[in-house]
Amino acid sequence: MGSGIQTDSGVKKVVIHSDGGCHGNPGPGGWAVVLAYGKHVRELKGGVPATTNNRMELQAAIEALRILKEPCEIDFHIDSQYVRQGISQWIAGWKRNGWRTSAKQPVKNADLWRELDAATAHHKIHWHWVKGHAGHKDNERCDELANEAIAAVKASHTPQQLAALLEEFKTETEPHSL
């Protein structure tokens, strides 16, 4: 984990690792975050009964930034090229095009992209890609936590409830979120 406390400008330096995933895509999903500020480490996780892998990757990043109480300098480690490239390369064009892609299609997961965009506004963030499932300690911990969240969602719903929620999710979001 990171050992930095503050930058030269007095801004807190935070290291974040995040991950999201699904059992089935779409299916029950979970997200997780490990935040480090100096010697302090905080883990967060959550899950939903019907979602996609990309939505959970985005939700993890949003939740990580939402927990911060003041502007920070962040080293953000993520195994999702979708989120890293989206927030650092594609989002400016999407906003300029009214949340449409270069092919004039609605941006998938625009609701979460808007939340992530707002959550990043007050921070200086350095986005780092890490290869998933490659032995990176903090990424592996996030994966473990996300899977715990998925297991908790599955344990709190019957298979019939999960199937009904999945059908509802597909009906509500199919053209723009999957």
Protein backbone atom coordinates (compact mmCIF):
# COMPACT_ATOMS: atom_id res chain seq x y z
CA MET A 1 0.00 0.00 0.00
CA GLY A 2 1.03 3.58 -0.43
CA SER A 3 2.99 5.28 2.30
CA GLY A 4 2.44 8.91 1.26
CA ILE A 5 0.70 11.25 3.67
CA GLN A 6 0.59 14.63 1.95
CA THR A 7 1.90 16.19 -1.21
CA ASP A 8 4.14 19.26 -1.19
CA SER A 9 1.01 21.41 -1.51
CA GLY A 10 -0.50 19.90 1.65
CA VAL A 11 -3.09 17.82 -0.21
CA LYS A 12 -3.62 14.32 1.15
CA LYS A 13 -2.13 11.56 -0.97
CA VAL A 14 -4.41 8.52 -1.22
CA VAL A 15 -3.86 5.19 -2.96
CA ILE A 16 -6.97 3.42 -4.24
CA HIS A 17 -7.46 -0.02 -5.72
CA SER A 18 -10.87 -1.04 -7.04
CA ASP A 19 -12.57 -3.92 -8.79
CA GLY A 20 -16.02 -4.96 -9.88
CA GLY A 21 -17.47 -8.12 -11.29
CA CYS A 22 -20.50 -10.25 -11.98
CA HIS A 23 -21.53 -13.87 -11.85
CA GLY A 24 -22.97 -13.92 -15.33
CA ASN A 25 -22.77 -10.74 -17.38
CA PRO A 26 -25.37 -9.50 -16.72
CA GLY A 27 -26.03 -11.13 -13.37
CA PRO A 28 -25.55 -10.57 -9.64
CA GLY A 29 -22.66 -8.17 -9.22
CA GLY A 30 -20.27 -6.79 -6.66
CA TRP A 31 -17.77 -3.98 -6.34
CA ALA A 32 -14.92 -3.40 -3.90
CA VAL A 33 -12.36 -0.79 -2.95
CA VAL A 34 -9.19 -0.68 -0.86
CA LEU A 35 -8.18 2.87 0.12
CA ALA A 36 -4.90 3.71 1.81
CA TYR A 37 -3.83 6.97 3.40
CA GLY A 38 -0.46 6.54 5.06
CA LYS A 39 -0.85 3.58 7.44
CA HIS A 40 -4.64 3.80 7.41
CA VAL A 41 -6.47 1.29 5.20
CA ARG A 42 -10.19 1.10 4.58
CA GLU A 43 -12.07 -1.54 2.62
CA LEU A 44 -15.52 -1.05 1.10
CA LYS A 45 -17.77 -3.42 -0.82
CA GLY A 46 -21.30 -3.68 -2.11
CA GLY A 47 -23.44 -5.61 -4.50
CA VAL A 48 -26.62 -5.61 -6.52
CA PRO A 49 -28.78 -8.48 -7.77
CA ALA A 50 -28.70 -7.59 -11.47
CA THR A 51 -26.02 -5.61 -13.28
CA THR A 52 -23.05 -5.87 -15.63
CA ASN A 53 -19.33 -6.16 -15.03
CA ASN A 54 -18.71 -2.69 -16.47
CA ARG A 55 -21.35 -1.13 -14.21
CA MET A 56 -19.68 -2.70 -11.17
CA GLU A 57 -16.24 -1.45 -12.24
CA LEU A 58 -17.70 2.06 -12.54
CA GLN A 59 -19.57 1.78 -9.23
CA ALA A 60 -16.38 0.77 -7.44
CA ALA A 61 -14.58 3.87 -8.70
CA ILE A 62 -17.53 6.10 -7.75
CA GLU A 63 -17.78 4.66 -4.24
CA ALA A 64 -14.04 5.04 -3.69
CA LEU A 65 -14.13 8.73 -4.56
CA ARG A 66 -17.43 9.37 -2.77
CA ILE A 67 -15.92 8.33 0.58
CA LEU A 68 -13.20 11.01 0.43
CA LYS A 69 -14.13 14.07 2.49
CA GLU A 70 -11.76 16.58 0.87
CA PRO A 71 -9.82 17.07 -2.36
CA CYS A 72 -6.96 14.57 -2.60
CA GLU A 73 -4.16 13.53 -4.91
CA ILE A 74 -4.91 9.94 -5.81
CA ASP A 75 -3.02 7.06 -7.34
CA PHE A 76 -5.97 5.02 -8.58
CA HIS A 77 -5.20 1.41 -9.57
CA ILE A 78 -7.85 -0.38 -11.58
CA ASP A 79 -7.94 -3.50 -13.73
CA SER A 80 -10.62 -2.11 -16.05
CA GLN A 81 -9.36 -0.54 -19.26
CA TYR A 82 -12.99 0.47 -19.88
CA VAL A 83 -13.02 2.71 -16.81
CA ARG A 84 -9.43 3.95 -17.11
CA GLN A 85 -9.71 4.86 -20.79
CA GLY A 86 -13.26 6.12 -20.43
CA ILE A 87 -12.45 8.61 -17.68
CA SER A 88 -9.07 9.70 -19.02
CA GLN A 89 -9.64 9.65 -22.81
CA TRP A 90 -13.24 9.21 -23.96
CA ILE A 91 -15.36 11.22 -21.53
CA ALA A 92 -14.47 14.67 -22.88
CA GLY A 93 -15.76 13.67 -26.32
CA TRP A 94 -18.89 12.10 -24.87
CA LYS A 95 -19.69 15.28 -22.98
CA ARG A 96 -18.97 17.43 -26.03
CA ASN A 97 -21.28 15.18 -28.12
CA GLY A 98 -24.16 15.24 -25.62
CA TRP A 99 -23.31 11.84 -24.13
CA ARG A 100 -23.15 10.20 -27.53
CA THR A 101 -20.31 8.15 -28.96
CA SER A 102 -18.43 9.09 -32.11
CA ALA A 103 -20.88 6.75 -33.89
CA LYS A 104 -23.72 8.95 -32.56
CA GLN A 105 -25.00 6.18 -30.26
CA PRO A 106 -25.94 6.84 -26.63
CA VAL A 107 -23.01 6.22 -24.27
CA LYS A 108 -23.49 2.95 -22.38
CA ASN A 109 -23.78 3.43 -18.61
CA ALA A 110 -24.06 7.22 -19.03
CA ASP A 111 -25.69 7.52 -15.60
CA LEU A 112 -22.60 6.09 -13.91
CA TRP A 113 -20.18 7.95 -16.17
CA ARG A 114 -21.85 11.21 -15.11
CA GLU A 115 -21.49 10.23 -11.45
CA LEU A 116 -17.85 9.31 -11.92
CA ASP A 117 -17.18 12.54 -13.78
CA ALA A 118 -18.67 14.55 -10.90
CA ALA A 119 -16.79 12.47 -8.30
CA THR A 120 -13.42 13.14 -9.98
CA ALA A 121 -13.89 16.92 -10.24
CA HIS A 122 -12.24 17.91 -6.95
CA HIS A 123 -9.34 15.47 -7.03
CA LYS A 124 -6.06 15.13 -8.90
CA ILE A 125 -6.13 11.53 -10.05
CA HIS A 126 -3.39 9.44 -11.65
CA TRP A 127 -5.08 6.42 -13.24
CA HIS A 128 -3.02 3.21 -13.35
CA TRP A 129 -4.03 -0.01 -15.04
CA VAL A 130 -3.13 -3.29 -13.35
CA LYS A 131 -3.60 -6.69 -14.92
CA GLY A 132 -6.42 -8.50 -13.15
CA HIS A 133 -5.93 -11.94 -11.64
CA ALA A 134 -2.17 -11.60 -11.96
CA GLY A 135 -1.16 -11.73 -8.31
CA HIS A 136 -1.28 -7.99 -7.54
CA LYS A 137 -2.04 -8.08 -3.80
CA ASP A 138 -4.46 -5.18 -3.54
CA ASN A 139 -6.25 -6.02 -6.79
CA GLU A 140 -6.65 -9.60 -5.60
CA ARG A 141 -8.08 -8.31 -2.30
CA CYS A 142 -10.61 -6.19 -4.19
CA ASP A 143 -11.58 -9.21 -6.29
CA GLU A 144 -12.07 -11.24 -3.10
CA LEU A 145 -14.23 -8.50 -1.53
CA ALA A 146 -16.32 -8.09 -4.70
CA ASN A 147 -16.94 -11.85 -4.74
CA GLU A 148 -17.97 -11.70 -1.07
CA ALA A 149 -20.48 -8.98 -1.99
CA ILE A 150 -21.85 -11.12 -4.84
CA ALA A 151 -22.16 -14.09 -2.48
CA ALA A 152 -24.09 -11.92 0.00
CA VAL A 153 -26.47 -10.79 -2.76
CA LYS A 154 -27.03 -14.38 -3.84
CA ALA A 155 -27.60 -15.48 -0.24
CA SER A 156 -30.22 -12.78 0.33
CA HIS A 157 -32.30 -13.64 -2.77
CA THR A 158 -33.94 -16.81 -4.02
CA PRO A 159 -32.96 -18.00 -7.50
CA GLN A 160 -36.44 -16.96 -8.64
CA GLN A 161 -35.97 -13.45 -7.25
CA LEU A 162 -32.59 -13.14 -8.94
CA ALA A 163 -34.06 -14.32 -12.26
CA ALA A 164 -36.93 -11.82 -12.01
CA LEU A 165 -34.57 -8.96 -11.12
CA LEU A 166 -32.28 -9.90 -14.00
CA GLU A 167 -35.19 -9.82 -16.47
CA GLU A 168 -36.28 -6.45 -15.07
CA PHE A 169 -32.72 -5.12 -15.41
CA LYS A 170 -32.47 -6.33 -19.01
CA THR A 171 -35.81 -4.74 -19.89
CA GLU A 172 -34.96 -1.39 -18.28
CA THR A 173 -31.39 -1.04 -19.48
CA GLU A 174 -30.83 -3.23 -22.52
CA PRO A 175 -30.19 -0.67 -25.23
CA HIS A 176 -27.88 1.62 -23.26
CA SER A 177 -26.18 -0.28 -20.45
CA LEU A 178 -25.03 -3.69 -21.54
